[in-house]
Amino acid sequence: MKMAEDGISAWLNSQCFVLGLWERILGERKMIVASSNC
């Protein structure tokens, strides 16, 4: 089930990508701080 574990870690990494998208959509500069922690 190694592939499943890789998929989960990729999904977790995508959460940082989502934060970056919200930062662009909302134009919230403070979101950069949250996404830079990833």
PDB file of N, CA and C in Angstrom:
ATOM      1  N   MET A   1       0.828  -1.218   0.000  1.00  0.00           N
ATOM      2  CA  MET A   1       0.000   0.000   0.000  1.00  0.00           C
ATOM      3  C   MET A   1       0.860   1.266   0.000  1.00  0.00           C
ATOM      4  N   LYS A   2       2.092   1.145  -0.491  1.00  0.00           N
ATOM      5  CA  LYS A   2       2.978   2.307  -0.535  1.00  0.00           C
ATOM      6  C   LYS A   2       2.362   3.411  -1.386  1.00  0.00           C
ATOM      7  N   MET A   3       1.684   3.016  -2.447  1.00  0.00           N
ATOM      8  CA  MET A   3       1.093   4.007  -3.352  1.00  0.00           C
ATOM      9  C   MET A   3       0.050   4.852  -2.630  1.00  0.00           C
ATOM     10  N   ALA A   4      -0.697   4.217  -1.735  1.00  0.00           N
ATOM     11  CA  ALA A   4      -1.713   4.959  -0.982  1.00  0.00           C
ATOM     12  C   ALA A   4      -1.051   5.989  -0.068  1.00  0.00           C
ATOM     13  N   GLU A   5       0.059   5.597   0.553  1.00  0.00           N
ATOM     14  CA  GLU A   5       0.770   6.533   1.433  1.00  0.00           C
ATOM     15  C   GLU A   5       1.294   7.724   0.640  1.00  0.00           C
ATOM     16  N   ASP A   6       1.829   7.454  -0.549  1.00  0.00           N
ATOM     17  CA  ASP A   6       2.314   8.541  -1.405  1.00  0.00           C
ATOM     18  C   ASP A   6       1.165   9.461  -1.793  1.00  0.00           C
ATOM     19  N   GLY A   7      -0.001   8.867  -2.045  1.00  0.00           N
ATOM     20  CA  GLY A   7      -1.167   9.662  -2.412  1.00  0.00           C
ATOM     21  C   GLY A   7      -1.596  10.571  -1.283  1.00  0.00           C
ATOM     22  N   ILE A   8      -1.518  10.052  -0.048  1.00  0.00           N
ATOM     23  CA  ILE A   8      -1.917  10.852   1.115  1.00  0.00           C
ATOM     24  C   ILE A   8      -0.961  12.024   1.307  1.00  0.00           C
ATOM     25  N   SER A   9       0.343  11.765   1.188  1.00  0.00           N
ATOM     26  CA  SER A   9       1.306  12.855   1.383  1.00  0.00           C
ATOM     27  C   SER A   9       1.170  13.889   0.264  1.00  0.00           C
ATOM     28  N   ALA A  10       0.835  13.415  -0.939  1.00  0.00           N
ATOM     29  CA  ALA A  10       0.615  14.348  -2.050  1.00  0.00           C
ATOM     30  C   ALA A  10      -0.620  15.193  -1.775  1.00  0.00           C
ATOM     31  N   TRP A  11      -1.643  14.572  -1.177  1.00  0.00           N
ATOM     32  CA  TRP A  11      -2.873  15.303  -0.851  1.00  0.00           C
ATOM     33  C   TRP A  11      -2.584  16.360   0.202  1.00  0.00           C
ATOM     34  N   LEU A  12      -1.770  16.006   1.197  1.00  0.00           N
ATOM     35  CA  LEU A  12      -1.418  16.970   2.238  1.00  0.00           C
ATOM     36  C   LEU A  12      -0.643  18.130   1.635  1.00  0.00           C
ATOM     37  N   ASN A  13       0.279  17.823   0.712  1.00  0.00           N
ATOM     38  CA  ASN A  13       1.041  18.881   0.050  1.00  0.00           C
ATOM     39  C   ASN A  13       0.116  19.774  -0.759  1.00  0.00           C
ATOM     40  N   SER A  14      -0.950  19.206  -1.300  1.00  0.00           N
ATOM     41  CA  SER A  14      -1.874  19.995  -2.119  1.00  0.00           C
ATOM     42  C   SER A  14      -2.639  21.011  -1.275  1.00  0.00           C
ATOM     43  N   GLN A  15      -2.715  20.764   0.027  1.00  0.00           N
ATOM     44  CA  GLN A  15      -3.390  21.733   0.897  1.00  0.00           C
ATOM     45  C   GLN A  15      -2.639  23.063   0.869  1.00  0.00           C
ATOM     46  N   CYS A  16      -1.316  22.994   0.776  1.00  0.00           N
ATOM     47  CA  CYS A  16      -0.513  24.215   0.676  1.00  0.00           C
ATOM     48  C   CYS A  16      -0.810  24.909  -0.650  1.00  0.00           C
ATOM     49  N   PHE A  17      -1.007  24.113  -1.695  1.00  0.00           N
ATOM     50  CA  PHE A  17      -1.340  24.663  -3.007  1.00  0.00           C
ATOM     51  C   PHE A  17      -2.688  25.367  -2.951  1.00  0.00           C
ATOM     52  N   VAL A  18      -3.634  24.757  -2.236  1.00  0.00           N
ATOM     53  CA  VAL A  18      -4.966  25.352  -2.087  1.00  0.00           C
ATOM     54  C   VAL A  18      -4.872  26.692  -1.362  1.00  0.00           C
ATOM     55  N   LEU A  19      -4.029  26.756  -0.329  1.00  0.00           N
ATOM     56  CA  LEU A  19      -3.842  28.020   0.391  1.00  0.00           C
ATOM     57  C   LEU A  19      -3.323  29.088  -0.561  1.00  0.00           C
ATOM     58  N   GLY A  20      -2.402  28.685  -1.438  1.00  0.00           N
ATOM     59  CA  GLY A  20      -1.863  29.622  -2.415  1.00  0.00           C
ATOM     60  C   GLY A  20      -2.945  30.125  -3.367  1.00  0.00           C
ATOM     61  N   LEU A  21      -3.856  29.205  -3.759  1.00  0.00           N
ATOM     62  CA  LEU A  21      -4.954  29.611  -4.643  1.00  0.00           C
ATOM     63  C   LEU A  21      -5.858  30.611  -3.952  1.00  0.00           C
ATOM     64  N   TRP A  22      -6.192  30.334  -2.682  1.00  0.00           N
ATOM     65  CA  TRP A  22      -7.049  31.260  -1.933  1.00  0.00           C
ATOM     66  C   TRP A  22      -6.382  32.624  -1.830  1.00  0.00           C
ATOM     67  N   GLU A  23      -5.056  32.614  -1.642  1.00  0.00           N
ATOM     68  CA  GLU A  23      -4.317  33.873  -1.535  1.00  0.00           C
ATOM     69  C   GLU A  23      -4.502  34.688  -2.813  1.00  0.00           C
ATOM     70  N   ARG A  24      -4.467  34.003  -3.965  1.00  0.00           N
ATOM     71  CA  ARG A  24      -4.639  34.708  -5.240  1.00  0.00           C
ATOM     72  C   ARG A  24      -6.078  35.167  -5.418  1.00  0.00           C
ATOM     73  N   ILE A  25      -7.019  34.267  -5.121  1.00  0.00           N
ATOM     74  CA  ILE A  25      -8.439  34.565  -5.352  1.00  0.00           C
ATOM     75  C   ILE A  25      -8.907  35.713  -4.462  1.00  0.00           C
ATOM     76  N   LEU A  26      -8.567  35.631  -3.190  1.00  0.00           N
ATOM     77  CA  LEU A  26      -9.052  36.621  -2.234  1.00  0.00           C
ATOM     78  C   LEU A  26      -8.161  37.846  -2.162  1.00  0.00           C
ATOM     79  N   GLY A  27      -6.907  37.704  -2.657  1.00  0.00           N
ATOM     80  CA  GLY A  27      -5.977  38.815  -2.576  1.00  0.00           C
ATOM     81  C   GLY A  27      -5.588  39.105  -1.136  1.00  0.00           C
ATOM     82  N   GLU A  28      -5.640  38.065  -0.312  1.00  0.00           N
ATOM     83  CA  GLU A  28      -5.296  38.240   1.103  1.00  0.00           C
ATOM     84  C   GLU A  28      -3.799  38.021   1.278  1.00  0.00           C
ATOM     85  N   ARG A  29      -3.078  39.085   1.501  1.00  0.00           N
ATOM     86  CA  ARG A  29      -1.624  38.982   1.639  1.00  0.00           C
ATOM     87  C   ARG A  29      -1.233  38.139   2.851  1.00  0.00           C
ATOM     88  N   LYS A  30      -2.046  38.156   3.902  1.00  0.00           N
ATOM     89  CA  LYS A  30      -1.690  37.410   5.110  1.00  0.00           C
ATOM     90  C   LYS A  30      -1.710  35.900   4.878  1.00  0.00           C
ATOM     91  N   MET A  31      -2.393  35.462   3.808  1.00  0.00           N
ATOM     92  CA  MET A  31      -2.428  34.041   3.495  1.00  0.00           C
ATOM     93  C   MET A  31      -1.048  33.527   3.083  1.00  0.00           C
ATOM     94  N   ILE A  32      -0.195  34.413   2.594  1.00  0.00           N
ATOM     95  CA  ILE A  32       1.157  34.014   2.194  1.00  0.00           C
ATOM     96  C   ILE A  32       1.898  33.432   3.394  1.00  0.00           C
ATOM     97  N   VAL A  33       1.678  34.018   4.556  1.00  0.00           N
ATOM     98  CA  VAL A  33       2.332  33.536   5.770  1.00  0.00           C
ATOM     99  C   VAL A  33       1.922  32.096   6.050  1.00  0.00           C
ATOM    100  N   ALA A  34       0.645  31.788   5.891  1.00  0.00           N
ATOM    101  CA  ALA A  34       0.146  30.440   6.144  1.00  0.00           C
ATOM    102  C   ALA A  34       0.714  29.448   5.133  1.00  0.00           C
ATOM    103  N   SER A  35       0.735  29.824   3.853  1.00  0.00           N
ATOM    104  CA  SER A  35       1.193  28.894   2.826  1.00  0.00           C
ATOM    105  C   SER A  35       2.711  28.717   2.860  1.00  0.00           C
ATOM    106  N   SER A  36       3.440  29.687   3.373  1.00  0.00           N
ATOM    107  CA  SER A  36       4.896  29.580   3.417  1.00  0.00           C
ATOM    108  C   SER A  36       5.360  28.628   4.512  1.00  0.00           C
ATOM    109  N   ASN A  37       4.450  28.236   5.410  1.00  0.00           N
ATOM    110  CA  ASN A  37       4.808  27.289   6.462  1.00  0.00           C
ATOM    111  C   ASN A  37       4.866  25.865   5.940  1.00  0.00           C
ATOM    112  N   CYS A  38       4.409  25.633   4.713  1.00  0.00           N
ATOM    113  CA  CYS A  38       4.355  24.281   4.169  1.00  0.00           C
ATOM    114  C   CYS A  38       5.689  23.901   3.537  1.00  0.00           C
TER     115      CYS A  38
END
